[in-house]
Amino acid sequence: MRHIGALQAVVTAAEYDREPTAAELDAIDAEMPVITAEVELLDAQIAVLDRTPAELDMRRLRRTRRRVLVARRTLANRIAGQNAAGGAA
């Protein structure tokens, strides 16, 4: 029986084997309010998929859409503020 194995040891880890960097974790943390708001919107949309939405369902949908828009606006303003503060003189 022949042994099949790698001829050389792996020198560097593959791209998918590494942990996220601090910058990537910070970016995820900054986007977390948007992600959370979008998940809430998706939950509200799923709840009314198989039935006609009642007034309370429509309120929930409007409220969650507003939360998504506010979270996106806040993130965009934060990013624009960081870019303006670090811009060229």
Protein backbone atom coordinates (compact mmCIF):
# COMPACT_ATOMS: atom_id res chain seq x y z
CA MET A 1 0.00 0.00 0.00
CA ARG A 2 1.34 3.42 -0.96
CA HIS A 3 1.12 6.30 1.45
CA ILE A 4 -0.26 9.43 -0.16
CA GLY A 5 0.75 12.61 1.62
CA ALA A 6 1.93 16.15 1.06
CA LEU A 7 5.48 16.45 -0.16
CA GLN A 8 6.00 19.75 1.64
CA ALA A 9 4.65 21.20 4.81
CA VAL A 10 2.33 24.17 4.47
CA VAL A 11 4.31 27.32 5.13
CA THR A 12 1.50 29.84 5.37
CA ALA A 13 -2.08 29.40 6.37
CA ALA A 14 -4.72 29.51 3.70
CA GLU A 15 -6.81 32.67 3.47
CA TYR A 16 -9.85 31.01 5.05
CA ASP A 17 -7.85 29.63 7.98
CA ARG A 18 -6.94 32.95 9.56
CA GLU A 19 -8.74 34.89 12.24
CA PRO A 20 -10.29 38.28 11.45
CA THR A 21 -8.03 41.26 11.94
CA ALA A 22 -8.76 44.02 14.42
CA ALA A 23 -9.79 46.32 11.55
CA GLU A 24 -12.24 43.72 10.24
CA LEU A 25 -13.74 43.23 13.69
CA ASP A 26 -14.08 47.01 14.09
CA ALA A 27 -15.85 47.23 10.72
CA ILE A 28 -18.26 44.46 11.74
CA ASP A 29 -18.87 46.17 15.06
CA ALA A 30 -19.61 49.48 13.29
CA GLU A 31 -22.10 47.77 10.96
CA MET A 32 -23.82 45.73 13.69
CA PRO A 33 -26.74 48.19 14.20
CA VAL A 34 -27.51 48.00 10.47
CA ILE A 35 -27.29 44.21 10.50
CA THR A 36 -29.58 43.97 13.53
CA ALA A 37 -32.13 46.35 11.99
CA GLU A 38 -32.12 44.41 8.73
CA VAL A 39 -32.68 41.13 10.58
CA GLU A 40 -35.65 42.67 12.41
CA LEU A 41 -37.07 43.86 9.08
CA LEU A 42 -36.63 40.41 7.59
CA ASP A 43 -38.44 38.88 10.57
CA ALA A 44 -41.33 41.30 10.10
CA GLN A 45 -41.51 40.52 6.38
CA ILE A 46 -41.45 36.77 7.00
CA ALA A 47 -44.28 37.11 9.52
CA VAL A 48 -46.63 38.47 6.85
CA LEU A 49 -45.63 36.24 3.95
CA ASP A 50 -48.52 33.82 4.20
CA ARG A 51 -51.30 36.12 5.25
CA THR A 52 -52.77 39.53 4.57
CA PRO A 53 -51.01 42.01 6.85
CA ALA A 54 -53.17 43.51 9.57
CA GLU A 55 -52.75 47.08 10.77
CA LEU A 56 -50.36 46.00 13.54
CA ASP A 57 -48.28 44.11 10.97
CA MET A 58 -48.11 47.19 8.76
CA ARG A 59 -47.00 49.31 11.72
CA ARG A 60 -44.29 46.80 12.55
CA LEU A 61 -43.08 46.82 8.94
CA ARG A 62 -42.99 50.62 8.80
CA ARG A 63 -41.22 50.82 12.15
CA THR A 64 -38.56 48.29 11.16
CA ARG A 65 -38.03 49.98 7.76
CA ARG A 66 -37.45 53.28 9.58
CA ARG A 67 -34.95 51.59 11.91
CA VAL A 68 -33.03 50.24 8.93
CA LEU A 69 -32.93 53.68 7.31
CA VAL A 70 -31.82 55.36 10.53
CA ALA A 71 -29.10 52.77 11.12
CA ARG A 72 -27.83 53.12 7.53
CA ARG A 73 -27.87 56.92 7.77
CA THR A 74 -25.99 56.85 11.06
CA LEU A 75 -23.37 54.52 9.63
CA ALA A 76 -22.99 56.61 6.46
CA ASN A 77 -22.62 59.80 8.50
CA ARG A 78 -20.05 58.15 10.75
CA ILE A 79 -18.02 56.98 7.76
CA ALA A 80 -18.29 60.39 6.07
CA GLY A 81 -17.17 62.07 9.29
CA GLN A 82 -14.16 59.82 9.56
CA ASN A 83 -13.21 60.45 5.95
CA ALA A 84 -13.57 64.21 6.35
CA ALA A 85 -11.51 64.24 9.53
CA GLY A 86 -8.72 62.25 7.91
CA GLY A 87 -8.83 64.04 4.55
CA ALA A 88 -6.05 65.90 2.83
CA ALA A 89 -5.23 69.42 3.98
